């Protein structure tokens, strides 16, 4: 490996100066614009607090009934519905209901934000090869960047709390819904698009009535993956003050509480399975409906 010593490198003093200049520039930016950025996210904080209070203050039988009803409407399968209800009953029986509801409220908020941000970006990528070429490298970086790294700029800008945690989770979980929205729209049959053009459909009508409905099963797969990635970020986000099932797991790691970590970890798995099974079942129903309508 002697050849490596001849590889041109920036000298240590120049590299150190560059790092210091970047760090100092970011600190000055946070000091100058931190308050404005924090006030910009005030509506997000209000929405998060409202969602958390809604699920926390609603009696547990109603919450279970609503989730069971959603599971049945999405899947039309008794096994999925009973599995969701039984999982929630076990979580409550083992005393993890409040932390679970905090986690569920955060995941719902993160999923809604990811959908509102990701689907329009995916549509833009599907309509323009240039936009796709610009955004794909960004998505590659977002999907390969270690999840802990997302916490650094967010904490420096907004401090510690629920809103920074939600922003970090959304950034981490956003790529799948963008990529699969783009893919789903691009996979729509050209013959169908030509028929829509022949009937005089405008671009907006073609998108709303043809492309999005036909791409919906693929988009649902992206939403499913976004939910799974958001749940995977729960424990990491607890490091910056996000309440929920992640904090007991973090406490268990720090204090070597095996049962505490195991029970709350299993609760996270249970919530993930509910979201996964329900969204997958709904996606399959959409796919079957699409095949029947085109059969």
Protein backbone atom coordinates (compact mmCIF):
# COMPACT_ATOMS: atom_id res chain seq x y z
CA UNK A 1 0.00 0.00 0.00
CA UNK A 2 2.99 2.29 -0.45
CA UNK A 3 1.28 3.86 -3.47
CA UNK A 4 -1.43 5.27 -1.18
CA UNK A 5 1.10 7.57 0.48
CA UNK A 6 1.53 9.37 -2.86
CA UNK A 7 -2.23 10.06 -3.19
CA UNK A 8 -2.81 13.84 -3.25
CA UNK A 9 -4.46 14.98 -0.05
CA UNK A 10 -5.47 18.26 1.52
CA UNK A 11 -3.03 19.12 4.31
CA UNK A 12 -4.30 18.94 7.87
CA UNK A 13 -4.26 22.67 8.52
CA UNK A 14 -6.32 23.44 5.40
CA UNK A 15 -8.81 20.70 6.20
CA UNK A 16 -9.14 21.89 9.79
CA UNK A 17 -9.67 25.47 8.64
CA UNK A 18 -12.35 24.38 6.18
CA UNK A 19 -14.19 22.38 8.84
CA UNK A 20 -14.03 25.27 11.29
CA UNK A 21 -15.32 27.71 8.67
CA UNK A 22 -18.29 25.44 7.82
CA UNK A 23 -19.12 24.84 11.50
CA UNK A 24 -18.89 28.54 12.33
CA UNK A 25 -21.02 29.46 9.33
CA UNK A 26 -23.72 27.00 10.40
CA UNK A 27 -23.63 28.32 13.98
CA UNK A 28 -24.05 31.88 12.75
CA UNK A 29 -26.94 30.80 10.54
CA UNK A 30 -28.70 29.10 13.47
CA UNK A 31 -28.16 32.12 15.72
CA UNK A 32 -29.50 34.51 13.09
CA UNK A 33 -32.40 32.51 11.68
CA UNK A 34 -33.09 29.89 14.37
CA UNK A 35 -36.02 31.77 15.90
CA UNK A 36 -37.62 32.41 12.52
CA UNK A 37 -37.26 28.74 11.54
CA UNK A 38 -38.71 27.66 14.88
CA UNK A 39 -41.73 29.94 14.47
CA UNK A 40 -42.23 28.57 10.95
CA UNK A 41 -42.78 25.11 12.45
CA UNK A 42 -45.27 26.32 15.10
CA UNK A 43 -48.28 24.97 13.11
CA UNK A 44 -46.57 21.58 12.95
CA UNK A 45 -46.11 21.63 16.73
CA UNK A 46 -49.79 22.51 17.20
CA UNK A 47 -50.85 19.70 14.86
CA UNK A 48 -48.63 17.22 16.69
CA UNK A 49 -49.96 18.27 20.10
CA UNK A 50 -53.56 18.03 18.82
CA UNK A 51 -53.00 14.53 17.40
CA UNK A 52 -51.35 13.35 20.62
CA UNK A 53 -54.12 14.75 22.81
CA UNK A 54 -56.74 13.22 20.55
CA UNK A 55 -55.46 9.66 20.91
CA UNK A 56 -54.43 10.10 24.56
CA UNK A 57 -57.76 11.55 25.73
CA UNK A 58 -59.95 9.17 23.76
CA UNK A 59 -61.06 6.16 25.89
CA UNK A 60 -59.14 3.03 24.97
CA UNK A 61 -62.22 1.00 23.88
CA UNK A 62 -63.04 3.68 21.30
CA UNK A 63 -59.43 3.76 20.04
CA UNK A 64 -59.38 -0.01 19.65
CA UNK A 65 -62.79 0.02 17.95
CA UNK A 66 -61.67 2.72 15.50
CA UNK A 67 -58.41 0.94 14.66
CA UNK A 68 -60.27 -2.35 14.32
CA UNK A 69 -62.82 -0.69 12.03
CA UNK A 70 -60.08 0.82 9.86
CA UNK A 71 -58.35 -2.57 9.68
CA UNK A 72 -61.58 -4.23 8.55
CA UNK A 73 -62.45 -1.56 5.98
CA UNK A 74 -58.92 -1.63 4.54
CA UNK A 75 -58.43 -5.40 4.47
CA UNK A 76 -61.91 -6.99 4.70
CA UNK A 77 -60.12 -9.83 6.46
CA UNK A 78 -61.12 -11.04 9.91
CA UNK A 79 -57.59 -12.27 10.71
CA UNK A 80 -56.06 -8.82 10.16
CA UNK A 81 -58.78 -7.12 12.22
CA UNK A 82 -58.57 -9.57 15.13
CA UNK A 83 -54.77 -9.41 15.03
CA UNK A 84 -54.83 -5.59 15.33
CA UNK A 85 -57.34 -5.65 18.19
CA UNK A 86 -55.52 -8.41 20.09
CA UNK A 87 -52.18 -6.63 19.72
CA UNK A 88 -53.60 -3.42 21.17
CA UNK A 89 -55.23 -5.30 24.04
CA UNK A 90 -51.90 -6.95 24.92
CA UNK A 91 -50.10 -3.60 24.77
CA UNK A 92 -52.63 -2.12 27.19
CA UNK A 93 -52.50 -5.17 29.46
CA UNK A 94 -48.73 -4.83 29.86
CA UNK A 95 -48.99 -1.13 30.74
CA UNK A 96 -47.60 0.41 27.53
CA UNK A 97 -50.77 2.08 26.27
CA UNK A 98 -49.80 5.73 26.78
CA UNK A 99 -46.35 5.39 25.19
CA UNK A 100 -47.92 3.44 22.32
CA UNK A 101 -50.50 6.15 21.68
CA UNK A 102 -47.76 8.82 21.66
CA UNK A 103 -45.87 6.75 19.11
CA UNK A 104 -48.99 6.17 17.00
CA UNK A 105 -49.80 9.90 16.98
CA UNK A 106 -46.24 10.74 15.89
CA UNK A 107 -46.29 8.10 13.13
CA UNK A 108 -49.65 9.39 11.87
CA UNK A 109 -48.34 12.95 11.72
CA UNK A 110 -45.11 11.85 10.02
CA UNK A 111 -47.02 9.73 7.50
CA UNK A 112 -49.42 12.56 6.64
CA UNK A 113 -46.50 14.97 6.15
CA UNK A 114 -44.61 12.43 4.05
CA UNK A 115 -47.65 11.91 1.82
CA UNK A 116 -48.27 15.66 1.42
CA UNK A 117 -44.62 16.26 0.52
CA UNK A 118 -43.70 13.03 -1.24
CA UNK A 119 -46.60 12.49 -3.67
CA UNK A 120 -46.33 15.94 -5.35
CA UNK A 121 -42.56 15.48 -5.71
CA UNK A 122 -43.10 12.00 -7.17
CA UNK A 123 -45.62 13.46 -9.65
CA UNK A 124 -43.12 16.13 -10.72
CA UNK A 125 -40.46 13.45 -11.21
CA UNK A 126 -42.83 11.38 -13.34
CA UNK A 127 -43.67 14.35 -15.55
CA UNK A 128 -40.10 15.55 -16.10
CA UNK A 129 -36.94 13.56 -16.72
CA UNK A 130 -34.87 16.61 -15.75
CA UNK A 131 -36.57 16.84 -12.34
CA UNK A 132 -36.07 13.11 -11.85
CA UNK A 133 -32.38 13.45 -12.68
CA UNK A 134 -32.00 16.23 -10.10
CA UNK A 135 -33.97 14.58 -7.28
CA UNK A 136 -32.71 10.99 -7.61
CA UNK A 137 -29.20 11.79 -6.26
CA UNK A 138 -30.79 13.59 -3.31
CA UNK A 139 -32.95 10.55 -2.57
CA UNK A 140 -29.87 8.30 -2.84
CA UNK A 141 -28.11 10.39 -0.20
CA UNK A 142 -31.21 10.44 2.03
CA UNK A 143 -31.51 6.64 1.89
CA UNK A 144 -27.82 5.91 2.52
CA UNK A 145 -27.11 8.56 5.16
CA UNK A 146 -26.89 7.06 8.69
CA UNK A 147 -30.06 7.92 10.57
CA UNK A 148 -28.14 9.50 13.48
CA UNK A 149 -26.72 12.14 11.13
CA UNK A 150 -30.21 13.59 10.53
CA UNK A 151 -30.38 14.59 14.18
CA UNK A 152 -27.34 16.92 14.03
CA UNK A 153 -28.64 19.79 11.85
CA UNK A 154 -32.19 19.45 13.18
CA UNK A 155 -31.08 19.75 16.81
CA UNK A 156 -28.75 22.65 16.01
CA UNK A 157 -31.59 24.52 14.31
CA UNK A 158 -34.54 23.67 16.54
CA UNK A 159 -33.10 22.22 19.73
CA UNK A 160 -34.49 19.16 21.48
CA UNK A 161 -38.17 18.24 21.41
CA UNK A 162 -40.96 16.61 19.49
CA UNK A 163 -40.92 18.88 16.43
CA UNK A 164 -37.22 18.29 15.65
CA UNK A 165 -37.86 14.58 16.08
CA UNK A 166 -40.79 14.64 13.66
CA UNK A 167 -38.74 16.54 11.08
CA UNK A 168 -35.88 14.04 11.37
CA UNK A 169 -38.30 11.11 11.02
CA UNK A 170 -40.00 12.66 7.96
CA UNK A 171 -36.66 13.29 6.22
CA UNK A 172 -35.59 9.72 6.93
CA UNK A 173 -38.89 8.14 5.84
CA UNK A 174 -39.68 10.31 2.80
CA UNK A 175 -37.76 8.62 -0.09
CA UNK A 176 -39.95 5.49 -0.57
CA UNK A 177 -43.19 7.38 -1.17
CA UNK A 178 -41.44 9.71 -3.62
CA UNK A 179 -39.77 6.90 -5.56
CA UNK A 180 -42.83 4.66 -5.77
CA UNK A 181 -45.17 7.52 -6.72
CA UNK A 182 -42.81 8.31 -9.58
CA UNK A 183 -42.57 4.63 -10.53
CA UNK A 184 -46.32 4.01 -10.33
CA UNK A 185 -47.18 6.92 -12.62
CA UNK A 186 -44.48 5.98 -15.12
CA UNK A 187 -45.79 2.39 -15.26
CA UNK A 188 -49.29 3.44 -16.36
CA UNK A 189 -50.04 1.85 -19.72
CA UNK A 190 -49.43 4.20 -22.65
CA UNK A 191 -52.54 2.91 -24.42
CA UNK A 192 -54.67 4.10 -21.51
CA UNK A 193 -53.03 7.54 -21.66
CA UNK A 194 -53.61 7.72 -25.41
CA UNK A 195 -57.30 6.92 -24.84
CA UNK A 196 -57.51 9.74 -22.29
CA UNK A 197 -55.87 12.11 -24.78
CA UNK A 198 -58.30 10.97 -27.49
CA UNK A 199 -61.24 11.93 -25.25
CA UNK A 200 -59.75 15.40 -24.83
CA UNK A 201 -58.63 15.11 -21.20
CA UNK A 202 -56.55 17.95 -19.85
CA UNK A 203 -53.22 17.10 -18.14
CA UNK A 204 -54.85 17.65 -14.73
CA UNK A 205 -57.84 15.42 -15.60
CA UNK A 206 -55.51 12.74 -16.94
CA UNK A 207 -53.45 12.84 -13.75
CA UNK A 208 -56.43 12.87 -11.38
CA UNK A 209 -58.73 10.40 -13.15
CA UNK A 210 -56.29 8.05 -14.91
CA UNK A 211 -52.69 8.10 -13.69
CA UNK A 212 -53.15 8.43 -9.93
CA UNK A 213 -55.94 5.80 -9.67
CA UNK A 214 -53.94 3.30 -11.70
CA UNK A 215 -50.73 4.07 -9.79
CA UNK A 216 -52.45 3.88 -6.38
CA UNK A 217 -51.38 0.28 -5.53
CA UNK A 218 -47.73 1.23 -6.13
CA UNK A 219 -48.15 4.47 -4.18
CA UNK A 220 -49.65 2.47 -1.29
CA UNK A 221 -46.55 0.26 -1.30
CA UNK A 222 -44.47 3.44 -0.94
CA UNK A 223 -46.64 4.66 1.94
CA UNK A 224 -46.24 1.25 3.60
CA UNK A 225 -42.45 1.50 3.38
CA UNK A 226 -42.54 5.08 4.66
CA UNK A 227 -44.50 3.97 7.75
CA UNK A 228 -42.02 1.14 8.40
CA UNK A 229 -39.04 3.51 8.13
CA UNK A 230 -40.74 6.02 10.44
CA UNK A 231 -41.25 3.31 13.06
CA UNK A 232 -37.62 2.25 12.68
CA UNK A 233 -36.62 5.82 13.54
CA UNK A 234 -38.69 5.91 16.76
CA UNK A 235 -35.91 4.75 19.09
CA UNK A 236 -33.32 7.06 17.50
CA UNK A 237 -35.68 10.05 17.66
CA UNK A 238 -36.18 9.39 21.38
CA UNK A 239 -32.58 10.59 21.85
CA UNK A 240 -33.75 14.16 21.14
CA UNK A 241 -36.84 14.12 23.33
CA UNK A 242 -39.51 12.38 21.25
CA UNK A 243 -41.87 10.69 23.69
CA UNK A 244 -43.25 7.24 23.06
CA UNK A 245 -42.06 3.67 22.99
CA UNK A 246 -38.54 4.72 22.02
CA UNK A 247 -37.74 6.36 25.38
CA UNK A 248 -38.23 3.20 27.50
CA UNK A 249 -36.07 1.29 25.00
CA UNK A 250 -33.36 3.95 25.29
CA UNK A 251 -33.64 3.82 29.09
CA UNK A 252 -33.35 0.03 28.98
CA UNK A 253 -30.19 0.25 26.88
CA UNK A 254 -28.62 2.80 29.24
CA UNK A 255 -29.50 0.87 32.41
CA UNK A 256 -29.49 -2.72 31.13
CA UNK A 257 -33.17 -3.31 31.85
CA UNK A 258 -33.76 -6.38 29.72
CA UNK A 259 -37.49 -6.83 30.25
CA UNK A 260 -38.26 -3.11 29.82
CA UNK A 261 -36.43 -3.01 26.51
CA UNK A 262 -37.87 -6.30 25.31
CA UNK A 263 -41.50 -5.46 26.13
CA UNK A 264 -41.37 -1.99 24.55
CA UNK A 265 -39.46 -3.36 21.58
CA UNK A 266 -42.19 -5.94 21.07
CA UNK A 267 -44.78 -3.17 21.34
CA UNK A 268 -43.01 -1.31 18.51
CA UNK A 269 -43.05 -4.53 16.50
CA UNK A 270 -46.78 -4.95 17.22
CA UNK A 271 -47.59 -1.41 16.06
CA UNK A 272 -45.44 -1.94 12.96
CA UNK A 273 -47.27 -5.18 12.15
CA UNK A 274 -50.67 -3.46 12.46
CA UNK A 275 -49.66 -0.66 10.09
CA UNK A 276 -47.92 -3.08 7.74
CA UNK A 277 -50.70 -5.66 7.50
CA UNK A 278 -53.46 -3.08 7.10
CA UNK A 279 -51.67 -1.01 4.44
CA UNK A 280 -50.51 -4.12 2.55
CA UNK A 281 -54.00 -5.59 2.58
CA UNK A 282 -55.44 -2.34 1.28
CA UNK A 283 -52.81 -2.22 -1.45
CA UNK A 284 -53.65 -5.78 -2.49
CA UNK A 285 -57.36 -4.94 -2.63
CA UNK A 286 -56.58 -1.97 -4.87
CA UNK A 287 -54.45 -4.18 -7.10
CA UNK A 288 -57.20 -6.81 -7.40
CA UNK A 289 -59.79 -4.12 -8.15
CA UNK A 290 -57.48 -2.69 -10.83
CA UNK A 291 -56.99 -6.10 -12.45
CA UNK A 292 -60.73 -6.82 -12.44
CA UNK A 293 -61.59 -3.43 -13.92
CA UNK A 294 -59.04 -3.97 -16.71
CA UNK A 295 -59.90 -7.63 -17.18
